[in-house]
Amino acid sequence: SWNWNGGRTYYADSVKGRFTISRDNARNTVYLQ
């Protein structure tokens, strides 16, 4: 989510625990590890 404090994440069950999403608003970039 866009939330000002870094965002809330939500994952599909198939990837939960293996994938991580983050964002850097200063760089206008979202990541998928």
All heavy atoms as atom14 arrays in JSON, in Angstrom:
{
  "sequence": "SWNWNGGRTYYADSVKGRFTISRDNARNTVYLQ",
  "atom14_mask": [
    [1, 1, 1, 1, 1, 1, 0, 0, 0, 0, 0, 0, 0, 0],
    [1, 1, 1, 1, 1, 1, 1, 1, 1, 1, 1, 1, 1, 1],
    [1, 1, 1, 1, 1, 1, 1, 1, 0, 0, 0, 0, 0, 0],
    [1, 1, 1, 1, 1, 1, 1, 1, 1, 1, 1, 1, 1, 1],
    [1, 1, 1, 1, 1, 1, 1, 1, 0, 0, 0, 0, 0, 0],
    [1, 1, 1, 1, 0, 0, 0, 0, 0, 0, 0, 0, 0, 0],
    [1, 1, 1, 1, 0, 0, 0, 0, 0, 0, 0, 0, 0, 0],
    [1, 1, 1, 1, 1, 1, 1, 1, 1, 1, 1, 0, 0, 0],
    [1, 1, 1, 1, 1, 1, 1, 0, 0, 0, 0, 0, 0, 0],
    [1, 1, 1, 1, 1, 1, 1, 1, 1, 1, 1, 1, 0, 0],
    [1, 1, 1, 1, 1, 1, 1, 1, 1, 1, 1, 1, 0, 0],
    [1, 1, 1, 1, 1, 0, 0, 0, 0, 0, 0, 0, 0, 0],
    [1, 1, 1, 1, 1, 1, 1, 1, 0, 0, 0, 0, 0, 0],
    [1, 1, 1, 1, 1, 1, 0, 0, 0, 0, 0, 0, 0, 0],
    [1, 1, 1, 1, 1, 1, 1, 0, 0, 0, 0, 0, 0, 0],
    [1, 1, 1, 1, 1, 1, 1, 1, 1, 0, 0, 0, 0, 0],
    [1, 1, 1, 1, 0, 0, 0, 0, 0, 0, 0, 0, 0, 0],
    [1, 1, 1, 1, 1, 1, 1, 1, 1, 1, 1, 0, 0, 0],
    [1, 1, 1, 1, 1, 1, 1, 1, 1, 1, 1, 0, 0, 0],
    [1, 1, 1, 1, 1, 1, 1, 0, 0, 0, 0, 0, 0, 0],
    [1, 1, 1, 1, 1, 1, 1, 1, 0, 0, 0, 0, 0, 0],
    [1, 1, 1, 1, 1, 1, 0, 0, 0, 0, 0, 0, 0, 0],
    [1, 1, 1, 1, 1, 1, 1, 1, 1, 1, 1, 0, 0, 0],
    [1, 1, 1, 1, 1, 1, 1, 1, 0, 0, 0, 0, 0, 0],
    [1, 1, 1, 1, 1, 1, 1, 1, 0, 0, 0, 0, 0, 0],
    [1, 1, 1, 1, 1, 0, 0, 0, 0, 0, 0, 0, 0, 0],
    [1, 1, 1, 1, 1, 1, 1, 1, 1, 1, 1, 0, 0, 0],
    [1, 1, 1, 1, 1, 1, 1, 1, 0, 0, 0, 0, 0, 0],
    [1, 1, 1, 1, 1, 1, 1, 0, 0, 0, 0, 0, 0, 0],
    [1, 1, 1, 1, 1, 1, 1, 0, 0, 0, 0, 0, 0, 0],
    [1, 1, 1, 1, 1, 1, 1, 1, 1, 1, 1, 1, 0, 0],
    [1, 1, 1, 1, 1, 1, 1, 1, 0, 0, 0, 0, 0, 0],
    [1, 1, 1, 1, 1, 1, 1, 1, 1, 0, 0, 0, 0, 0]
  ],
  "atom14_positions": [
    [[0.83, -1.2, 0.0], [0.0, 0.0, 0.0], [0.86, 1.25, 0.0], [2.07, 1.21, 0.21], [-0.93, 0.0, 1.21], [-0.17, 0.12, 2.4], [0.0, 0.0, 0.0], [0.0, 0.0, 0.0], [0.0, 0.0, 0.0], [0.0, 0.0, 0.0], [0.0, 0.0, 0.0], [0.0, 0.0, 0.0], [0.0, 0.0, 0.0], [0.0, 0.0, 0.0]],
    [[0.21, 2.38, -0.22], [0.92, 3.65, -0.29], [1.28, 4.2, 1.06], [2.06, 5.12, 1.15], [0.04, 4.7, -1.01], [-1.17, 5.09, -0.19], [-2.41, 4.52, -0.25], [-1.24, 6.11, 0.81], [-3.26, 5.13, 0.66], [-2.57, 6.1, 1.32], [-0.34, 7.03, 1.33], [-3.0, 6.97, 2.32], [-0.75, 7.91, 2.33], [-2.07, 7.86, 2.82]],
    [[0.75, 3.62, 2.11], [0.78, 4.18, 3.45], [2.05, 4.93, 3.77], [3.15, 4.45, 3.5], [0.55, 3.07, 4.47], [0.22, 3.61, 5.84], [1.13, 3.91, 6.61], [-1.05, 3.76, 6.12], [0.0, 0.0, 0.0], [0.0, 0.0, 0.0], [0.0, 0.0, 0.0], [0.0, 0.0, 0.0], [0.0, 0.0, 0.0], [0.0, 0.0, 0.0]],
    [[1.92, 6.06, 4.4], [3.01, 6.99, 4.62], [4.17, 6.38, 5.4], [5.31, 6.79, 5.24], [2.5, 8.23, 5.36], [2.01, 7.93, 6.75], [0.76, 7.55, 7.11], [2.78, 7.97, 7.95], [0.7, 7.34, 8.47], [1.91, 7.6, 9.01], [4.11, 8.27, 8.24], [2.34, 7.53, 10.32], [4.54, 8.21, 9.56], [3.66, 7.85, 10.59]],
    [[3.9, 5.38, 6.22], [4.97, 4.82, 7.05], [5.63, 3.6, 6.41], [6.15, 2.74, 7.09], [4.46, 4.49, 8.45], [3.4, 3.41, 8.45], [2.93, 3.0, 7.39], [3.02, 2.93, 9.61], [0.0, 0.0, 0.0], [0.0, 0.0, 0.0], [0.0, 0.0, 0.0], [0.0, 0.0, 0.0], [0.0, 0.0, 0.0], [0.0, 0.0, 0.0]],
    [[5.58, 3.54, 5.12], [6.31, 2.49, 4.42], [5.46, 1.49, 3.68], [5.94, 0.78, 2.84], [0.0, 0.0, 0.0], [0.0, 0.0, 0.0], [0.0, 0.0, 0.0], [0.0, 0.0, 0.0], [0.0, 0.0, 0.0], [0.0, 0.0, 0.0], [0.0, 0.0, 0.0], [0.0, 0.0, 0.0], [0.0, 0.0, 0.0], [0.0, 0.0, 0.0]],
    [[4.18, 1.47, 4.0], [3.31, 0.59, 3.25], [3.05, -0.72, 3.94], [3.91, -1.27, 4.64], [0.0, 0.0, 0.0], [0.0, 0.0, 0.0], [0.0, 0.0, 0.0], [0.0, 0.0, 0.0], [0.0, 0.0, 0.0], [0.0, 0.0, 0.0], [0.0, 0.0, 0.0], [0.0, 0.0, 0.0], [0.0, 0.0, 0.0], [0.0, 0.0, 0.0]],
    [[1.86, -1.24, 3.72], [1.46, -2.53, 4.26], [1.5, -3.52, 3.12], [1.05, -3.23, 2.01], [0.06, -2.42, 4.84], [-0.52, -3.68, 5.4], [-1.86, -3.4, 6.04], [-2.78, -2.78, 5.1], [-3.94, -2.25, 5.47], [-4.29, -2.22, 6.73], [-4.73, -1.71, 4.56], [0.0, 0.0, 0.0], [0.0, 0.0, 0.0], [0.0, 0.0, 0.0]],
    [[2.02, -4.7, 3.38], [2.15, -5.69, 2.32], [1.14, -6.81, 2.47], [0.62, -7.08, 3.56], [3.56, -6.3, 2.33], [3.86, -6.78, 3.65], [4.6, -5.27, 1.91], [0.0, 0.0, 0.0], [0.0, 0.0, 0.0], [0.0, 0.0, 0.0], [0.0, 0.0, 0.0], [0.0, 0.0, 0.0], [0.0, 0.0, 0.0], [0.0, 0.0, 0.0]],
    [[0.88, -7.45, 1.33], [-0.06, -8.56, 1.29], [0.42, -9.5, 0.2], [0.81, -9.05, -0.88], [-1.46, -8.04, 0.99], [-2.52, -9.1, 0.94], [-2.97, -9.71, 2.09], [-3.09, -9.48, -0.27], [-3.94, -10.69, 2.04], [-4.06, -10.46, -0.33], [-4.49, -11.06, 0.82], [-5.45, -12.02, 0.78], [0.0, 0.0, 0.0], [0.0, 0.0, 0.0]],
    [[0.39, -10.81, 0.47], [0.95, -11.78, -0.46], [-0.02, -12.9, -0.76], [-0.85, -13.28, 0.07], [2.23, -12.39, 0.13], [3.31, -11.39, 0.43], [3.45, -10.82, 1.69], [4.21, -10.99, -0.56], [4.43, -9.89, 1.96], [5.2, -10.07, -0.3], [5.3, -9.52, 0.97], [6.29, -8.6, 1.23], [0.0, 0.0, 0.0], [0.0, 0.0, 0.0]],
    [[0.12, -13.45, -1.95], [-0.58, -14.67, -2.28], [-0.01, -15.81, -1.44], [1.19, -15.81, -1.11], [-0.42, -14.98, -3.76], [0.0, 0.0, 0.0], [0.0, 0.0, 0.0], [0.0, 0.0, 0.0], [0.0, 0.0, 0.0], [0.0, 0.0, 0.0], [0.0, 0.0, 0.0], [0.0, 0.0, 0.0], [0.0, 0.0, 0.0], [0.0, 0.0, 0.0]],
    [[-0.84, -16.77, -1.12], [-0.4, -17.89, -0.28], [0.77, -18.64, -0.92], [1.64, -19.14, -0.22], [-1.56, -18.85, -0.04], [-2.59, -18.28, 0.91], [-2.28, -17.31, 1.63], [-3.72, -18.81, 0.93], [0.0, 0.0, 0.0], [0.0, 0.0, 0.0], [0.0, 0.0, 0.0], [0.0, 0.0, 0.0], [0.0, 0.0, 0.0], [0.0, 0.0, 0.0]],
    [[0.78, -18.7, -2.24], [1.81, -19.48, -2.94], [3.21, -18.9, -2.78], [4.19, -19.61, -3.02], [1.46, -19.58, -4.42], [1.36, -18.29, -5.0], [0.0, 0.0, 0.0], [0.0, 0.0, 0.0], [0.0, 0.0, 0.0], [0.0, 0.0, 0.0], [0.0, 0.0, 0.0], [0.0, 0.0, 0.0], [0.0, 0.0, 0.0], [0.0, 0.0, 0.0]],
    [[3.31, -17.64, -2.4], [4.63, -17.01, -2.3], [4.93, -16.51, -0.89], [6.05, -16.05, -0.62], [4.77, -15.83, -3.29], [4.45, -16.29, -4.71], [3.91, -14.65, -2.89], [0.0, 0.0, 0.0], [0.0, 0.0, 0.0], [0.0, 0.0, 0.0], [0.0, 0.0, 0.0], [0.0, 0.0, 0.0], [0.0, 0.0, 0.0], [0.0, 0.0, 0.0]],
    [[3.96, -16.6, -0.01], [4.14, -16.09, 1.35], [5.32, -16.78, 2.03], [5.47, -18.0, 1.97], [2.85, -16.32, 2.14], [2.67, -15.42, 3.34], [1.28, -15.6, 3.95], [0.19, -15.12, 3.01], [-1.15, -15.24, 3.6], [0.0, 0.0, 0.0], [0.0, 0.0, 0.0], [0.0, 0.0, 0.0], [0.0, 0.0, 0.0], [0.0, 0.0, 0.0]],
    [[6.17, -15.97, 2.63], [7.35, -16.5, 3.29], [8.56, -16.63, 2.39], [9.68, -16.83, 2.86], [0.0, 0.0, 0.0], [0.0, 0.0, 0.0], [0.0, 0.0, 0.0], [0.0, 0.0, 0.0], [0.0, 0.0, 0.0], [0.0, 0.0, 0.0], [0.0, 0.0, 0.0], [0.0, 0.0, 0.0], [0.0, 0.0, 0.0], [0.0, 0.0, 0.0]],
    [[8.36, -16.53, 1.08], [9.47, -16.62, 0.13], [9.72, -15.29, -0.59], [10.86, -14.98, -0.93], [9.17, -17.7, -0.92], [8.99, -19.09, -0.36], [8.89, -20.14, -1.46], [7.76, -19.94, -2.35], [7.86, -19.78, -3.66], [9.06, -19.81, -4.25], [6.78, -19.62, -4.41], [0.0, 0.0, 0.0], [0.0, 0.0, 0.0], [0.0, 0.0, 0.0]],
    [[8.66, -14.54, -0.84], [8.77, -13.28, -1.57], [8.56, -12.12, -0.62], [7.76, -12.2, 0.32], [7.73, -13.2, -2.67], [7.93, -14.15, -3.83], [8.86, -15.17, -3.79], [7.17, -14.0, -4.99], [9.05, -16.04, -4.85], [7.33, -14.86, -6.06], [8.27, -15.87, -5.98], [0.0, 0.0, 0.0], [0.0, 0.0, 0.0], [0.0, 0.0, 0.0]],
    [[9.24, -11.01, -0.9], [9.11, -9.8, -0.09], [8.99, -8.59, -1.01], [9.81, -8.43, -1.94], [10.31, -9.61, 0.83], [10.45, -10.75, 1.69], [10.13, -8.36, 1.7], [0.0, 0.0, 0.0], [0.0, 0.0, 0.0], [0.0, 0.0, 0.0], [0.0, 0.0, 0.0], [0.0, 0.0, 0.0], [0.0, 0.0, 0.0], [0.0, 0.0, 0.0]],
    [[7.99, -7.77, -0.73], [7.79, -6.55, -1.5], [8.14, -5.35, -0.63], [7.78, -5.3, 0.54], [6.33, -6.44, -1.98], [6.02, -7.59, -2.95], [6.08, -5.09, -2.67], [4.56, -7.67, -3.34], [0.0, 0.0, 0.0], [0.0, 0.0, 0.0], [0.0, 0.0, 0.0], [0.0, 0.0, 0.0], [0.0, 0.0, 0.0], [0.0, 0.0, 0.0]],
    [[8.82, -4.4, -1.24], [9.15, -3.17, -0.53], [9.08, -2.02, -1.54], [8.96, -2.25, -2.75], [10.55, -3.24, 0.09], [11.53, -3.46, -0.9], [0.0, 0.0, 0.0], [0.0, 0.0, 0.0], [0.0, 0.0, 0.0], [0.0, 0.0, 0.0], [0.0, 0.0, 0.0], [0.0, 0.0, 0.0], [0.0, 0.0, 0.0], [0.0, 0.0, 0.0]],
    [[9.14, -0.82, -1.02], [9.08, 0.33, -1.9], [9.99, 1.42, -1.38], [10.22, 1.54, -0.16], [7.65, 0.85, -2.05], [7.03, 1.43, -0.79], [5.54, 1.71, -0.98], [5.32, 2.72, -2.02], [4.15, 2.89, -2.65], [3.12, 2.11, -2.35], [4.01, 3.82, -3.57], [0.0, 0.0, 0.0], [0.0, 0.0, 0.0], [0.0, 0.0, 0.0]],
    [[10.48, 2.24, -2.3], [11.29, 3.4, -1.96], [10.63, 4.59, -2.65], [10.81, 4.78, -3.87], [12.73, 3.2, -2.44], [13.65, 4.33, -2.03], [13.15, 5.42, -1.72], [14.87, 4.13, -2.05], [0.0, 0.0, 0.0], [0.0, 0.0, 0.0], [0.0, 0.0, 0.0], [0.0, 0.0, 0.0], [0.0, 0.0, 0.0], [0.0, 0.0, 0.0]],
    [[9.87, 5.35, -1.91], [9.14, 6.45, -2.51], [10.07, 7.54, -3.03], [9.73, 8.27, -3.97], [8.14, 7.03, -1.51], [6.96, 6.11, -1.26], [6.67, 5.22, -2.07], [6.32, 6.28, -0.13], [0.0, 0.0, 0.0], [0.0, 0.0, 0.0], [0.0, 0.0, 0.0], [0.0, 0.0, 0.0], [0.0, 0.0, 0.0], [0.0, 0.0, 0.0]],
    [[11.24, 7.68, -2.43], [12.19, 8.69, -2.9], [12.71, 8.33, -4.29], [13.09, 9.23, -5.07], [13.35, 8.81, -1.92], [0.0, 0.0, 0.0], [0.0, 0.0, 0.0], [0.0, 0.0, 0.0], [0.0, 0.0, 0.0], [0.0, 0.0, 0.0], [0.0, 0.0, 0.0], [0.0, 0.0, 0.0], [0.0, 0.0, 0.0], [0.0, 0.0, 0.0]],
    [[12.74, 7.05, -4.6], [13.22, 6.58, -5.91], [12.09, 6.18, -6.85], [12.33, 5.7, -7.95], [14.16, 5.39, -5.72], [15.43, 5.72, -4.94], [16.3, 4.48, -4.76], [17.5, 4.76, -3.99], [18.63, 5.19, -4.5], [18.75, 5.37, -5.8], [19.67, 5.43, -3.72], [0.0, 0.0, 0.0], [0.0, 0.0, 0.0], [0.0, 0.0, 0.0]],
    [[10.85, 6.36, -6.39], [9.69, 5.97, -7.21], [9.8, 4.53, -7.68], [9.51, 4.21, -8.85], [9.53, 6.9, -8.42], [8.98, 8.26, -8.03], [8.78, 8.56, -6.86], [8.75, 9.09, -9.03], [0.0, 0.0, 0.0], [0.0, 0.0, 0.0], [0.0, 0.0, 0.0], [0.0, 0.0, 0.0], [0.0, 0.0, 0.0], [0.0, 0.0, 0.0]],
    [[10.22, 3.65, -6.79], [10.49, 2.27, -7.18], [9.89, 1.3, -6.18], [9.93, 1.53, -4.96], [12.01, 2.04, -7.28], [12.56, 2.94, -8.25], [12.32, 0.61, -7.72], [0.0, 0.0, 0.0], [0.0, 0.0, 0.0], [0.0, 0.0, 0.0], [0.0, 0.0, 0.0], [0.0, 0.0, 0.0], [0.0, 0.0, 0.0], [0.0, 0.0, 0.0]],
    [[9.35, 0.22, -6.71], [8.87, -0.89, -5.89], [9.69, -2.12, -6.25], [10.11, -2.29, -7.4], [7.35, -1.12, -6.1], [7.03, -1.48, -7.54], [6.84, -2.18, -5.14], [0.0, 0.0, 0.0], [0.0, 0.0, 0.0], [0.0, 0.0, 0.0], [0.0, 0.0, 0.0], [0.0, 0.0, 0.0], [0.0, 0.0, 0.0], [0.0, 0.0, 0.0]],
    [[9.94, -2.95, -5.25], [10.82, -4.1, -5.41], [10.09, -5.4, -5.09], [9.16, -5.42, -4.27], [12.03, -3.97, -4.48], [12.81, -2.7, -4.67], [12.57, -1.6, -3.86], [13.78, -2.59, -5.66], [13.28, -0.41, -4.02], [14.5, -1.41, -5.83], [14.24, -0.33, -5.01], [14.94, 0.84, -5.19], [0.0, 0.0, 0.0], [0.0, 0.0, 0.0]],
    [[10.54, -6.45, -5.72], [10.06, -7.8, -5.41], [11.28, -8.69, -5.24], [11.97, -9.0, -6.21], [9.16, -8.33, -6.53], [8.66, -9.76, -6.36], [7.8, -9.89, -5.11], [7.88, -10.21, -7.6], [0.0, 0.0, 0.0], [0.0, 0.0, 0.0], [0.0, 0.0, 0.0], [0.0, 0.0, 0.0], [0.0, 0.0, 0.0], [0.0, 0.0, 0.0]],
    [[11.54, -9.07, -4.0], [12.63, -9.99, -3.7], [12.06, -11.39, -3.64], [11.16, -11.66, -2.84], [13.29, -9.62, -2.36], [14.38, -10.58, -1.93], [15.58, -10.55, -2.85], [16.01, -9.49, -3.3], [16.14, -11.73, -3.15], [0.0, 0.0, 0.0], [0.0, 0.0, 0.0], [0.0, 0.0, 0.0], [0.0, 0.0, 0.0], [0.0, 0.0, 0.0]]
  ]
}
